[in-house]
PDB file of all heavy atoms in Angstrom:
ATOM      1  N   ALA A   1     -21.268 -18.757  -1.280  1.00  0.00           N
ATOM      2  CA  ALA A   1     -20.512 -20.004  -1.411  1.00  0.00           C
ATOM      3  C   ALA A   1     -20.058 -20.249  -2.856  1.00  0.00           C
ATOM      4  O   ALA A   1     -18.891 -20.591  -3.096  1.00  0.00           O
ATOM      5  CB  ALA A   1     -21.338 -21.178  -0.910  1.00  0.00           C
ATOM      6  N   GLY A   2     -20.945 -20.064  -3.822  1.00  0.00           N
ATOM      7  CA  GLY A   2     -20.576 -20.299  -5.214  1.00  0.00           C
ATOM      8  C   GLY A   2     -19.463 -19.386  -5.678  1.00  0.00           C
ATOM      9  O   GLY A   2     -18.512 -19.815  -6.347  1.00  0.00           O
ATOM     10  N   GLU A   3     -19.570 -18.127  -5.310  1.00  0.00           N
ATOM     11  CA  GLU A   3     -18.548 -17.145  -5.696  1.00  0.00           C
ATOM     12  C   GLU A   3     -17.202 -17.471  -5.047  1.00  0.00           C
ATOM     13  O   GLU A   3     -16.152 -17.363  -5.673  1.00  0.00           O
ATOM     14  CB  GLU A   3     -19.021 -15.752  -5.261  1.00  0.00           C
ATOM     15  CG  GLU A   3     -18.322 -14.617  -5.942  1.00  0.00           C
ATOM     16  CD  GLU A   3     -18.994 -13.280  -5.631  1.00  0.00           C
ATOM     17  OE1 GLU A   3     -19.940 -13.240  -4.823  1.00  0.00           O
ATOM     18  OE2 GLU A   3     -18.543 -12.288  -6.207  1.00  0.00           O
ATOM     19  N   TYR A   4     -17.255 -17.888  -3.775  1.00  0.00           N
ATOM     20  CA  TYR A   4     -16.023 -18.220  -3.054  1.00  0.00           C
ATOM     21  C   TYR A   4     -15.325 -19.422  -3.694  1.00  0.00           C
ATOM     22  O   TYR A   4     -14.119 -19.385  -3.931  1.00  0.00           O
ATOM     23  CB  TYR A   4     -16.334 -18.512  -1.589  1.00  0.00           C
ATOM     24  CG  TYR A   4     -15.151 -19.042  -0.820  1.00  0.00           C
ATOM     25  CD1 TYR A   4     -14.125 -18.197  -0.417  1.00  0.00           C
ATOM     26  CD2 TYR A   4     -15.038 -20.395  -0.517  1.00  0.00           C
ATOM     27  CE1 TYR A   4     -13.023 -18.677   0.266  1.00  0.00           C
ATOM     28  CE2 TYR A   4     -13.950 -20.886   0.168  1.00  0.00           C
ATOM     29  CZ  TYR A   4     -12.944 -20.021   0.564  1.00  0.00           C
ATOM     30  OH  TYR A   4     -11.854 -20.519   1.246  1.00  0.00           O
ATOM     31  N   TYR A   5     -16.082 -20.472  -3.973  1.00  0.00           N
ATOM     32  CA  TYR A   5     -15.458 -21.670  -4.535  1.00  0.00           C
ATOM     33  C   TYR A   5     -14.934 -21.422  -5.944  1.00  0.00           C
ATOM     34  O   TYR A   5     -13.914 -22.004  -6.342  1.00  0.00           O
ATOM     35  CB  TYR A   5     -16.442 -22.834  -4.500  1.00  0.00           C
ATOM     36  CG  TYR A   5     -16.677 -23.333  -3.100  1.00  0.00           C
ATOM     37  CD1 TYR A   5     -17.935 -23.289  -2.524  1.00  0.00           C
ATOM     38  CD2 TYR A   5     -15.615 -23.815  -2.328  1.00  0.00           C
ATOM     39  CE1 TYR A   5     -18.142 -23.713  -1.222  1.00  0.00           C
ATOM     40  CE2 TYR A   5     -15.815 -24.245  -1.030  1.00  0.00           C
ATOM     41  CZ  TYR A   5     -17.081 -24.197  -0.479  1.00  0.00           C
ATOM     42  OH  TYR A   5     -17.273 -24.618   0.812  1.00  0.00           O
ATOM     43  N   GLN A   6     -15.579 -20.560  -6.691  1.00  0.00           N
ATOM     44  CA  GLN A   6     -15.071 -20.224  -8.024  1.00  0.00           C
ATOM     45  C   GLN A   6     -13.734 -19.490  -7.914  1.00  0.00           C
ATOM     46  O   GLN A   6     -12.787 -19.781  -8.645  1.00  0.00           O
ATOM     47  CB  GLN A   6     -16.086 -19.362  -8.779  1.00  0.00           C
ATOM     48  CG  GLN A   6     -15.639 -19.025 -10.189  1.00  0.00           C
ATOM     49  CD  GLN A   6     -16.654 -18.174 -10.941  1.00  0.00           C
ATOM     50  OE1 GLN A   6     -17.696 -17.816 -10.400  1.00  0.00           O
ATOM     51  NE2 GLN A   6     -16.358 -17.856 -12.175  1.00  0.00           N
ATOM     52  N   LEU A   7     -13.664 -18.511  -6.988  1.00  0.00           N
ATOM     53  CA  LEU A   7     -12.409 -17.788  -6.781  1.00  0.00           C
ATOM     54  C   LEU A   7     -11.316 -18.743  -6.304  1.00  0.00           C
ATOM     55  O   LEU A   7     -10.175 -18.693  -6.762  1.00  0.00           O
ATOM     56  CB  LEU A   7     -12.627 -16.662  -5.757  1.00  0.00           C
ATOM     57  CG  LEU A   7     -11.409 -15.808  -5.416  1.00  0.00           C
ATOM     58  CD1 LEU A   7     -11.816 -14.341  -5.279  1.00  0.00           C
ATOM     59  CD2 LEU A   7     -10.755 -16.254  -4.117  1.00  0.00           C
ATOM     60  N   HIS A   8     -11.684 -19.636  -5.379  1.00  0.00           N
ATOM     61  CA  HIS A   8     -10.721 -20.592  -4.830  1.00  0.00           C
ATOM     62  C   HIS A   8     -10.160 -21.489  -5.926  1.00  0.00           C
ATOM     63  O   HIS A   8      -8.936 -21.666  -6.044  1.00  0.00           O
ATOM     64  CB  HIS A   8     -11.405 -21.429  -3.745  1.00  0.00           C
ATOM     65  CG  HIS A   8     -10.461 -22.306  -2.980  1.00  0.00           C
ATOM     66  ND1 HIS A   8      -9.948 -23.478  -3.506  1.00  0.00           N
ATOM     67  CD2 HIS A   8      -9.943 -22.185  -1.739  1.00  0.00           C
ATOM     68  CE1 HIS A   8      -9.153 -24.036  -2.625  1.00  0.00           C
ATOM     69  NE2 HIS A   8      -9.127 -23.277  -1.542  1.00  0.00           N
ATOM     70  N   GLU A   9     -11.031 -22.060  -6.748  1.00  0.00           N
ATOM     71  CA  GLU A   9     -10.588 -22.975  -7.794  1.00  0.00           C
ATOM     72  C   GLU A   9      -9.746 -22.260  -8.849  1.00  0.00           C
ATOM     73  O   GLU A   9      -8.733 -22.789  -9.306  1.00  0.00           O
ATOM     74  CB  GLU A   9     -11.804 -23.628  -8.465  1.00  0.00           C
ATOM     75  CG  GLU A   9     -12.531 -24.626  -7.585  1.00  0.00           C
ATOM     76  CD  GLU A   9     -11.644 -25.774  -7.152  1.00  0.00           C
ATOM     77  OE1 GLU A   9     -10.930 -26.339  -7.998  1.00  0.00           O
ATOM     78  OE2 GLU A   9     -11.647 -26.099  -5.946  1.00  0.00           O
ATOM     79  N   THR A  10     -10.165 -21.047  -9.221  1.00  0.00           N
ATOM     80  CA  THR A  10      -9.428 -20.303 -10.244  1.00  0.00           C
ATOM     81  C   THR A  10      -8.019 -19.972  -9.774  1.00  0.00           C
ATOM     82  O   THR A  10      -7.038 -20.184 -10.500  1.00  0.00           O
ATOM     83  CB  THR A  10     -10.179 -19.004 -10.607  1.00  0.00           C
ATOM     84  OG1 THR A  10     -11.490 -19.333 -11.054  1.00  0.00           O
ATOM     85  CG2 THR A  10      -9.443 -18.233 -11.687  1.00  0.00           C
ATOM     86  N   LEU A  11      -7.898 -19.458  -8.542  1.00  0.00           N
ATOM     87  CA  LEU A  11      -6.581 -19.099  -8.018  1.00  0.00           C
ATOM     88  C   LEU A  11      -5.716 -20.336  -7.799  1.00  0.00           C
ATOM     89  O   LEU A  11      -4.509 -20.299  -8.033  1.00  0.00           O
ATOM     90  CB  LEU A  11      -6.719 -18.313  -6.717  1.00  0.00           C
ATOM     91  CG  LEU A  11      -7.052 -16.834  -6.869  1.00  0.00           C
ATOM     92  CD1 LEU A  11      -7.246 -16.184  -5.514  1.00  0.00           C
ATOM     93  CD2 LEU A  11      -5.953 -16.110  -7.633  1.00  0.00           C
ATOM     94  N   TRP A  12      -6.321 -21.421  -7.338  1.00  0.00           N
ATOM     95  CA  TRP A  12      -5.542 -22.639  -7.088  1.00  0.00           C
ATOM     96  C   TRP A  12      -4.938 -23.166  -8.389  1.00  0.00           C
ATOM     97  O   TRP A  12      -3.782 -23.576  -8.427  1.00  0.00           O
ATOM     98  CB  TRP A  12      -6.427 -23.694  -6.443  1.00  0.00           C
ATOM     99  CG  TRP A  12      -5.634 -24.803  -5.814  1.00  0.00           C
ATOM    100  CD1 TRP A  12      -5.313 -26.014  -6.363  1.00  0.00           C
ATOM    101  CD2 TRP A  12      -5.027 -24.786  -4.513  1.00  0.00           C
ATOM    102  NE1 TRP A  12      -4.564 -26.749  -5.488  1.00  0.00           N
ATOM    103  CE2 TRP A  12      -4.377 -26.029  -4.348  1.00  0.00           C
ATOM    104  CE3 TRP A  12      -4.999 -23.850  -3.490  1.00  0.00           C
ATOM    105  CZ2 TRP A  12      -3.679 -26.358  -3.174  1.00  0.00           C
ATOM    106  CZ3 TRP A  12      -4.313 -24.180  -2.325  1.00  0.00           C
ATOM    107  CH2 TRP A  12      -3.668 -25.403  -2.177  1.00  0.00           C
ATOM    108  N   LYS A  13      -5.719 -23.116  -9.473  1.00  0.00           N
ATOM    109  CA  LYS A  13      -5.196 -23.559 -10.769  1.00  0.00           C
ATOM    110  C   LYS A  13      -4.108 -22.608 -11.269  1.00  0.00           C
ATOM    111  O   LYS A  13      -3.129 -23.034 -11.888  1.00  0.00           O
ATOM    112  CB  LYS A  13      -6.324 -23.644 -11.790  1.00  0.00           C
ATOM    113  CG  LYS A  13      -7.254 -24.830 -11.570  1.00  0.00           C
ATOM    114  CD  LYS A  13      -8.391 -24.824 -12.575  1.00  0.00           C
ATOM    115  CE  LYS A  13      -9.355 -25.969 -12.309  1.00  0.00           C
ATOM    116  NZ  LYS A  13     -10.525 -25.921 -13.209  1.00  0.00           N
ATOM    117  N   GLU A  14      -4.295 -21.327 -11.028  1.00  0.00           N
ATOM    118  CA  GLU A  14      -3.315 -20.343 -11.486  1.00  0.00           C
ATOM    119  C   GLU A  14      -2.000 -20.473 -10.720  1.00  0.00           C
ATOM    120  O   GLU A  14      -0.921 -20.368 -11.300  1.00  0.00           O
ATOM    121  CB  GLU A  14      -3.886 -18.938 -11.310  1.00  0.00           C
ATOM    122  CG  GLU A  14      -2.998 -17.832 -11.830  1.00  0.00           C
ATOM    123  CD  GLU A  14      -3.633 -16.466 -11.688  1.00  0.00           C
ATOM    124  OE1 GLU A  14      -4.877 -16.377 -11.775  1.00  0.00           O
ATOM    125  OE2 GLU A  14      -2.898 -15.497 -11.488  1.00  0.00           O
ATOM    126  N   LEU A  15      -2.084 -20.710  -9.414  1.00  0.00           N
ATOM    127  CA  LEU A  15      -0.876 -20.812  -8.584  1.00  0.00           C
ATOM    128  C   LEU A  15      -0.238 -22.192  -8.682  1.00  0.00           C
ATOM    129  O   LEU A  15       0.966 -22.329  -8.452  1.00  0.00           O
ATOM    130  CB  LEU A  15      -1.225 -20.507  -7.118  1.00  0.00           C
ATOM    131  CG  LEU A  15      -1.740 -19.084  -6.840  1.00  0.00           C
ATOM    132  CD1 LEU A  15      -2.286 -18.977  -5.434  1.00  0.00           C
ATOM    133  CD2 LEU A  15      -0.636 -18.054  -7.072  1.00  0.00           C
ATOM    134  N   HIS A  16      -1.020 -23.219  -8.992  1.00  0.00           N
ATOM    135  CA  HIS A  16      -0.604 -24.629  -9.089  1.00  0.00           C
ATOM    136  C   HIS A  16       0.537 -24.981  -8.129  1.00  0.00           C
ATOM    137  O   HIS A  16       1.656 -25.271  -8.557  1.00  0.00           O
ATOM    138  CB  HIS A  16      -0.271 -25.019 -10.547  1.00  0.00           C
ATOM    139  CG  HIS A  16       0.813 -24.192 -11.190  1.00  0.00           C
ATOM    140  ND1 HIS A  16       0.573 -22.996 -11.791  1.00  0.00           N
ATOM    141  CD2 HIS A  16       2.149 -24.407 -11.323  1.00  0.00           C
ATOM    142  CE1 HIS A  16       1.695 -22.501 -12.268  1.00  0.00           C
ATOM    143  NE2 HIS A  16       2.669 -23.342 -11.997  1.00  0.00           N
ATOM    144  N   PRO A  17       0.267 -24.975  -6.826  1.00  0.00           N
ATOM    145  CA  PRO A  17       1.315 -25.351  -5.866  1.00  0.00           C
ATOM    146  C   PRO A  17       1.713 -26.813  -6.036  1.00  0.00           C
ATOM    147  O   PRO A  17       0.867 -27.671  -6.299  1.00  0.00           O
ATOM    148  CB  PRO A  17       0.656 -25.101  -4.503  1.00  0.00           C
ATOM    149  CG  PRO A  17      -0.808 -25.178  -4.767  1.00  0.00           C
ATOM    150  CD  PRO A  17      -1.013 -24.680  -6.160  1.00  0.00           C
ATOM    151  N   ALA A  18       3.018 -27.095  -5.864  1.00  0.00           N
ATOM    152  CA  ALA A  18       3.517 -28.449  -6.096  1.00  0.00           C
ATOM    153  C   ALA A  18       3.967 -29.146  -4.820  1.00  0.00           C
ATOM    154  O   ALA A  18       4.104 -30.364  -4.811  1.00  0.00           O
ATOM    155  CB  ALA A  18       4.678 -28.398  -7.087  1.00  0.00           C
ATOM    156  N   THR A  19       4.213 -28.392  -3.753  1.00  0.00           N
ATOM    157  CA  THR A  19       4.684 -28.990  -2.498  1.00  0.00           C
ATOM    158  C   THR A  19       3.779 -28.541  -1.358  1.00  0.00           C
ATOM    159  O   THR A  19       2.929 -27.656  -1.533  1.00  0.00           O
ATOM    160  CB  THR A  19       6.130 -28.558  -2.195  1.00  0.00           C
ATOM    161  OG1 THR A  19       6.149 -27.131  -1.965  1.00  0.00           O
ATOM    162  CG2 THR A  19       7.068 -28.885  -3.350  1.00  0.00           C
ATOM    163  N   LEU A  20       3.976 -29.150  -0.181  1.00  0.00           N
ATOM    164  CA  LEU A  20       3.173 -28.793   0.979  1.00  0.00           C
ATOM    165  C   LEU A  20       3.365 -27.329   1.353  1.00  0.00           C
ATOM    166  O   LEU A  20       2.390 -26.612   1.632  1.00  0.00           O
ATOM    167  CB  LEU A  20       3.533 -29.698   2.168  1.00  0.00           C
ATOM    168  CG  LEU A  20       2.808 -29.402   3.478  1.00  0.00           C
ATOM    169  CD1 LEU A  20       1.296 -29.523   3.304  1.00  0.00           C
ATOM    170  CD2 LEU A  20       3.299 -30.323   4.579  1.00  0.00           C
ATOM    171  N   MET A  21       4.602 -26.851   1.352  1.00  0.00           N
ATOM    172  CA  MET A  21       4.861 -25.456   1.700  1.00  0.00           C
ATOM    173  C   MET A  21       4.235 -24.514   0.672  1.00  0.00           C
ATOM    174  O   MET A  21       3.713 -23.455   1.027  1.00  0.00           O
ATOM    175  CB  MET A  21       6.372 -25.205   1.799  1.00  0.00           C
ATOM    176  CG  MET A  21       7.019 -25.837   2.998  1.00  0.00           C
ATOM    177  SD  MET A  21       6.330 -25.249   4.558  1.00  0.00           S
ATOM    178  CE  MET A  21       6.826 -23.530   4.529  1.00  0.00           C
ATOM    179  N   GLU A  22       4.259 -24.885  -0.578  1.00  0.00           N
ATOM    180  CA  GLU A  22       3.610 -24.068  -1.609  1.00  0.00           C
ATOM    181  C   GLU A  22       2.095 -24.068  -1.414  1.00  0.00           C
ATOM    182  O   GLU A  22       1.432 -23.053  -1.639  1.00  0.00           O
ATOM    183  CB  GLU A  22       3.974 -24.577  -3.002  1.00  0.00           C
ATOM    184  CG  GLU A  22       5.408 -24.278  -3.399  1.00  0.00           C
ATOM    185  CD  GLU A  22       5.729 -24.703  -4.817  1.00  0.00           C
ATOM    186  OE1 GLU A  22       4.794 -25.018  -5.580  1.00  0.00           O
ATOM    187  OE2 GLU A  22       6.922 -24.723  -5.168  1.00  0.00           O
ATOM    188  N   ASN A  23       1.534 -25.208  -0.989  1.00  0.00           N
ATOM    189  CA  ASN A  23       0.099 -25.267  -0.693  1.00  0.00           C
ATOM    190  C   ASN A  23      -0.282 -24.266   0.394  1.00  0.00           C
ATOM    191  O   ASN A  23      -1.313 -23.595   0.312  1.00  0.00           O
ATOM    192  CB  ASN A  23      -0.287 -26.674  -0.231  1.00  0.00           C
ATOM    193  CG  ASN A  23      -0.343 -27.665  -1.371  1.00  0.00           C
ATOM    194  OD1 ASN A  23      -0.257 -27.287  -2.535  1.00  0.00           O
ATOM    195  ND2 ASN A  23      -0.474 -28.926  -1.052  1.00  0.00           N
ATOM    196  N   ILE A  24       0.546 -24.181   1.432  1.00  0.00           N
ATOM    197  CA  ILE A  24       0.266 -23.269   2.544  1.00  0.00           C
ATOM    198  C   ILE A  24       0.259 -21.823   2.058  1.00  0.00           C
ATOM    199  O   ILE A  24      -0.632 -21.043   2.401  1.00  0.00           O
ATOM    200  CB  ILE A  24       1.304 -23.469   3.670  1.00  0.00           C
ATOM    201  CG1 ILE A  24       1.125 -24.858   4.306  1.00  0.00           C
ATOM    202  CG2 ILE A  24       1.197 -22.370   4.724  1.00  0.00           C
ATOM    203  CD1 ILE A  24       2.230 -25.258   5.249  1.00  0.00           C
ATOM    204  N   GLN A  25       1.246 -21.449   1.260  1.00  0.00           N
ATOM    205  CA  GLN A  25       1.318 -20.070   0.774  1.00  0.00           C
ATOM    206  C   GLN A  25       0.186 -19.772  -0.211  1.00  0.00           C
ATOM    207  O   GLN A  25      -0.365 -18.673  -0.219  1.00  0.00           O
ATOM    208  CB  GLN A  25       2.680 -19.804   0.119  1.00  0.00           C
ATOM    209  CG  GLN A  25       3.860 -19.952   1.063  1.00  0.00           C
ATOM    210  CD  GLN A  25       3.718 -19.140   2.327  1.00  0.00           C
ATOM    211  OE1 GLN A  25       3.246 -18.002   2.302  1.00  0.00           O
ATOM    212  NE2 GLN A  25       4.103 -19.719   3.455  1.00  0.00           N
ATOM    213  N   ALA A  26      -0.194 -20.757  -1.028  1.00  0.00           N
ATOM    214  CA  ALA A  26      -1.315 -20.558  -1.951  1.00  0.00           C
ATOM    215  C   ALA A  26      -2.608 -20.340  -1.181  1.00  0.00           C
ATOM    216  O   ALA A  26      -3.436 -19.497  -1.554  1.00  0.00           O
ATOM    217  CB  ALA A  26      -1.445 -21.763  -2.882  1.00  0.00           C
ATOM    218  N   ALA A  27      -2.797 -21.080  -0.085  1.00  0.00           N
ATOM    219  CA  ALA A  27      -3.991 -20.898   0.742  1.00  0.00           C
ATOM    220  C   ALA A  27      -4.016 -19.501   1.363  1.00  0.00           C
ATOM    221  O   ALA A  27      -5.089 -18.874   1.465  1.00  0.00           O
ATOM    222  CB  ALA A  27      -4.034 -21.969   1.834  1.00  0.00           C
ATOM    223  N   GLU A  28      -2.861 -18.986   1.764  1.00  0.00           N
ATOM    224  CA  GLU A  28      -2.790 -17.626   2.314  1.00  0.00           C
ATOM    225  C   GLU A  28      -3.165 -16.590   1.253  1.00  0.00           C
ATOM    226  O   GLU A  28      -3.864 -15.618   1.547  1.00  0.00           O
ATOM    227  CB  GLU A  28      -1.373 -17.354   2.834  1.00  0.00           C
ATOM    228  CG  GLU A  28      -0.987 -18.152   4.057  1.00  0.00           C
ATOM    229  CD  GLU A  28      -1.674 -17.645   5.309  1.00  0.00           C
ATOM    230  OE1 GLU A  28      -1.283 -16.589   5.816  1.00  0.00           O
ATOM    231  OE2 GLU A  28      -2.630 -18.304   5.757  1.00  0.00           O
ATOM    232  N   ILE A  29      -2.704 -16.795   0.037  1.00  0.00           N
ATOM    233  CA  ILE A  29      -3.028 -15.860  -1.054  1.00  0.00           C
ATOM    234  C   ILE A  29      -4.530 -15.865  -1.322  1.00  0.00           C
ATOM    235  O   ILE A  29      -5.149 -14.812  -1.527  1.00  0.00           O
ATOM    236  CB  ILE A  29      -2.244 -16.230  -2.321  1.00  0.00           C
ATOM    237  CG1 ILE A  29      -0.742 -15.987  -2.101  1.00  0.00           C
ATOM    238  CG2 ILE A  29      -2.736 -15.447  -3.530  1.00  0.00           C
ATOM    239  CD1 ILE A  29       0.151 -16.535  -3.189  1.00  0.00           C
ATOM    240  N   ILE A  30      -5.139 -17.037  -1.300  1.00  0.00           N
ATOM    241  CA  ILE A  30      -6.581 -17.142  -1.533  1.00  0.00           C
ATOM    242  C   ILE A  30      -7.359 -16.459  -0.413  1.00  0.00           C
ATOM    243  O   ILE A  30      -8.347 -15.752  -0.665  1.00  0.00           O
ATOM    244  CB  ILE A  30      -6.986 -18.621  -1.684  1.00  0.00           C
ATOM    245  CG1 ILE A  30      -6.403 -19.177  -2.983  1.00  0.00           C
ATOM    246  CG2 ILE A  30      -8.498 -18.783  -1.661  1.00  0.00           C
ATOM    247  CD1 ILE A  30      -6.492 -20.674  -3.119  1.00  0.00           C
ATOM    248  N   THR A  31      -6.924 -16.643   0.840  1.00  0.00           N
ATOM    249  CA  THR A  31      -7.572 -15.975   1.967  1.00  0.00           C
ATOM    250  C   THR A  31      -7.518 -14.460   1.804  1.00  0.00           C
ATOM    251  O   THR A  31      -8.514 -13.754   2.008  1.00  0.00           O
ATOM    252  CB  THR A  31      -6.889 -16.386   3.292  1.00  0.00           C
ATOM    253  OG1 THR A  31      -7.144 -17.773   3.522  1.00  0.00           O
ATOM    254  CG2 THR A  31      -7.405 -15.580   4.468  1.00  0.00           C
ATOM    255  N   ALA A  32      -6.343 -13.946   1.423  1.00  0.00           N
ATOM    256  CA  ALA A  32      -6.193 -12.503   1.224  1.00  0.00           C
ATOM    257  C   ALA A  32      -7.075 -12.013   0.083  1.00  0.00           C
ATOM    258  O   ALA A  32      -7.710 -10.949   0.185  1.00  0.00           O
ATOM    259  CB  ALA A  32      -4.730 -12.162   0.952  1.00  0.00           C
ATOM    260  N   ALA A  33      -7.145 -12.777  -1.001  1.00  0.00           N
ATOM    261  CA  ALA A  33      -7.965 -12.370  -2.148  1.00  0.00           C
ATOM    262  C   ALA A  33      -9.446 -12.336  -1.773  1.00  0.00           C
ATOM    263  O   ALA A  33     -10.175 -11.410  -2.159  1.00  0.00           O
ATOM    264  CB  ALA A  33      -7.741 -13.331  -3.314  1.00  0.00           C
ATOM    265  N   TRP A  34      -9.894 -13.320  -0.994  1.00  0.00           N
ATOM    266  CA  TRP A  34     -11.299 -13.333  -0.577  1.00  0.00           C
ATOM    267  C   TRP A  34     -11.609 -12.164   0.361  1.00  0.00           C
ATOM    268  O   TRP A  34     -12.663 -11.548   0.289  1.00  0.00           O
ATOM    269  CB  TRP A  34     -11.646 -14.658   0.091  1.00  0.00           C
ATOM    270  CG  TRP A  34     -13.066 -14.720   0.553  1.00  0.00           C
ATOM    271  CD1 TRP A  34     -13.525 -14.754   1.830  1.00  0.00           C
ATOM    272  CD2 TRP A  34     -14.241 -14.718  -0.280  1.00  0.00           C
ATOM    273  NE1 TRP A  34     -14.894 -14.783   1.855  1.00  0.00           N
ATOM    274  CE2 TRP A  34     -15.360 -14.764   0.573  1.00  0.00           C
ATOM    275  CE3 TRP A  34     -14.441 -14.678  -1.651  1.00  0.00           C
ATOM    276  CZ2 TRP A  34     -16.661 -14.775   0.087  1.00  0.00           C
ATOM    277  CZ3 TRP A  34     -15.740 -14.699  -2.139  1.00  0.00           C
ATOM    278  CH2 TRP A  34     -16.832 -14.742  -1.275  1.00  0.00           C
ATOM    279  N   ARG A  35     -10.670 -11.844   1.233  1.00  0.00           N
ATOM    280  CA  ARG A  35     -10.888 -10.722   2.155  1.00  0.00           C
ATOM    281  C   ARG A  35     -10.966  -9.404   1.389  1.00  0.00           C
ATOM    282  O   ARG A  35     -11.789  -8.542   1.701  1.00  0.00           O
ATOM    283  CB  ARG A  35      -9.770 -10.681   3.191  1.00  0.00           C
ATOM    284  CG  ARG A  35     -10.051  -9.769   4.364  1.00  0.00           C
ATOM    285  CD  ARG A  35      -9.170 -10.101   5.535  1.00  0.00           C
ATOM    286  NE  ARG A  35      -9.496 -11.405   6.078  1.00  0.00           N
ATOM    287  CZ  ARG A  35      -8.871 -11.970   7.107  1.00  0.00           C
ATOM    288  NH1 ARG A  35      -7.876 -11.337   7.687  1.00  0.00           N
ATOM    289  NH2 ARG A  35      -9.227 -13.141   7.544  1.00  0.00           N
ATOM    290  N   LEU A  36     -10.131  -9.253   0.376  1.00  0.00           N
ATOM    291  CA  LEU A  36     -10.196  -8.048  -0.453  1.00  0.00           C
ATOM    292  C   LEU A  36     -11.532  -7.981  -1.194  1.00  0.00           C
ATOM    293  O   LEU A  36     -12.113  -6.906  -1.354  1.00  0.00           O
ATOM    294  CB  LEU A  36      -9.036  -8.030  -1.448  1.00  0.00           C
ATOM    295  CG  LEU A  36      -7.646  -7.778  -0.845  1.00  0.00           C
ATOM    296  CD1 LEU A  36      -6.566  -8.020  -1.880  1.00  0.00           C
ATOM    297  CD2 LEU A  36      -7.549  -6.373  -0.277  1.00  0.00           C
ATOM    298  N   HIS A  37     -12.008  -9.138  -1.635  1.00  0.00           N
ATOM    299  CA  HIS A  37     -13.306  -9.188  -2.304  1.00  0.00           C
ATOM    300  C   HIS A  37     -14.423  -8.771  -1.345  1.00  0.00           C
ATOM    301  O   HIS A  37     -15.332  -8.018  -1.725  1.00  0.00           O
ATOM    302  CB  HIS A  37     -13.545 -10.610  -2.809  1.00  0.00           C
ATOM    303  CG  HIS A  37     -14.899 -10.816  -3.393  1.00  0.00           C
ATOM    304  ND1 HIS A  37     -15.238 -10.369  -4.655  1.00  0.00           N
ATOM    305  CD2 HIS A  37     -16.022 -11.394  -2.886  1.00  0.00           C
ATOM    306  CE1 HIS A  37     -16.502 -10.681  -4.901  1.00  0.00           C
ATOM    307  NE2 HIS A  37     -17.001 -11.300  -3.850  1.00  0.00           N
ATOM    308  N   ARG A  38     -14.353  -9.209  -0.101  1.00  0.00           N
ATOM    309  CA  ARG A  38     -15.365  -8.832   0.889  1.00  0.00           C
ATOM    310  C   ARG A  38     -15.288  -7.329   1.193  1.00  0.00           C
ATOM    311  O   ARG A  38     -16.305  -6.687   1.412  1.00  0.00           O
ATOM    312  CB  ARG A  38     -15.192  -9.633   2.172  1.00  0.00           C
ATOM    313  CG  ARG A  38     -15.635 -11.085   2.027  1.00  0.00           C
ATOM    314  CD  ARG A  38     -15.819 -11.755   3.372  1.00  0.00           C
ATOM    315  NE  ARG A  38     -16.841 -11.096   4.178  1.00  0.00           N
ATOM    316  CZ  ARG A  38     -18.152 -11.230   3.986  1.00  0.00           C
ATOM    317  NH1 ARG A  38     -18.596 -11.989   3.010  1.00  0.00           N
ATOM    318  NH2 ARG A  38     -19.001 -10.594   4.763  1.00  0.00           N
ATOM    319  N   CYS A  39     -14.084  -6.789   1.217  1.00  0.00           N
ATOM    320  CA  CYS A  39     -13.930  -5.344   1.448  1.00  0.00           C
ATOM    321  C   CYS A  39     -14.675  -4.560   0.371  1.00  0.00           C
ATOM    322  O   CYS A  39     -15.396  -3.598   0.672  1.00  0.00           O
ATOM    323  CB  CYS A  39     -12.452  -4.956   1.440  1.00  0.00           C
ATOM    324  SG  CYS A  39     -11.541  -5.446   2.915  1.00  0.00           S
ATOM    325  N   ALA A  40     -14.507  -4.981  -0.872  1.00  0.00           N
ATOM    326  CA  ALA A  40     -15.175  -4.278  -1.975  1.00  0.00           C
ATOM    327  C   ALA A  40     -16.691  -4.388  -1.842  1.00  0.00           C
ATOM    328  O   ALA A  40     -17.422  -3.421  -2.051  1.00  0.00           O
ATOM    329  CB  ALA A  40     -14.710  -4.851  -3.309  1.00  0.00           C
TER     330      ALA A  40
END
């Protein structure tokens, strides 16, 4: 949980989505990044 929330917060700040549609795409990027992390 700690590792996941750190990755989530870091990517969210880096992507800084400004609209609802940007929020959706940022969430997809975070999901993909977490899945890649689990693969490793």
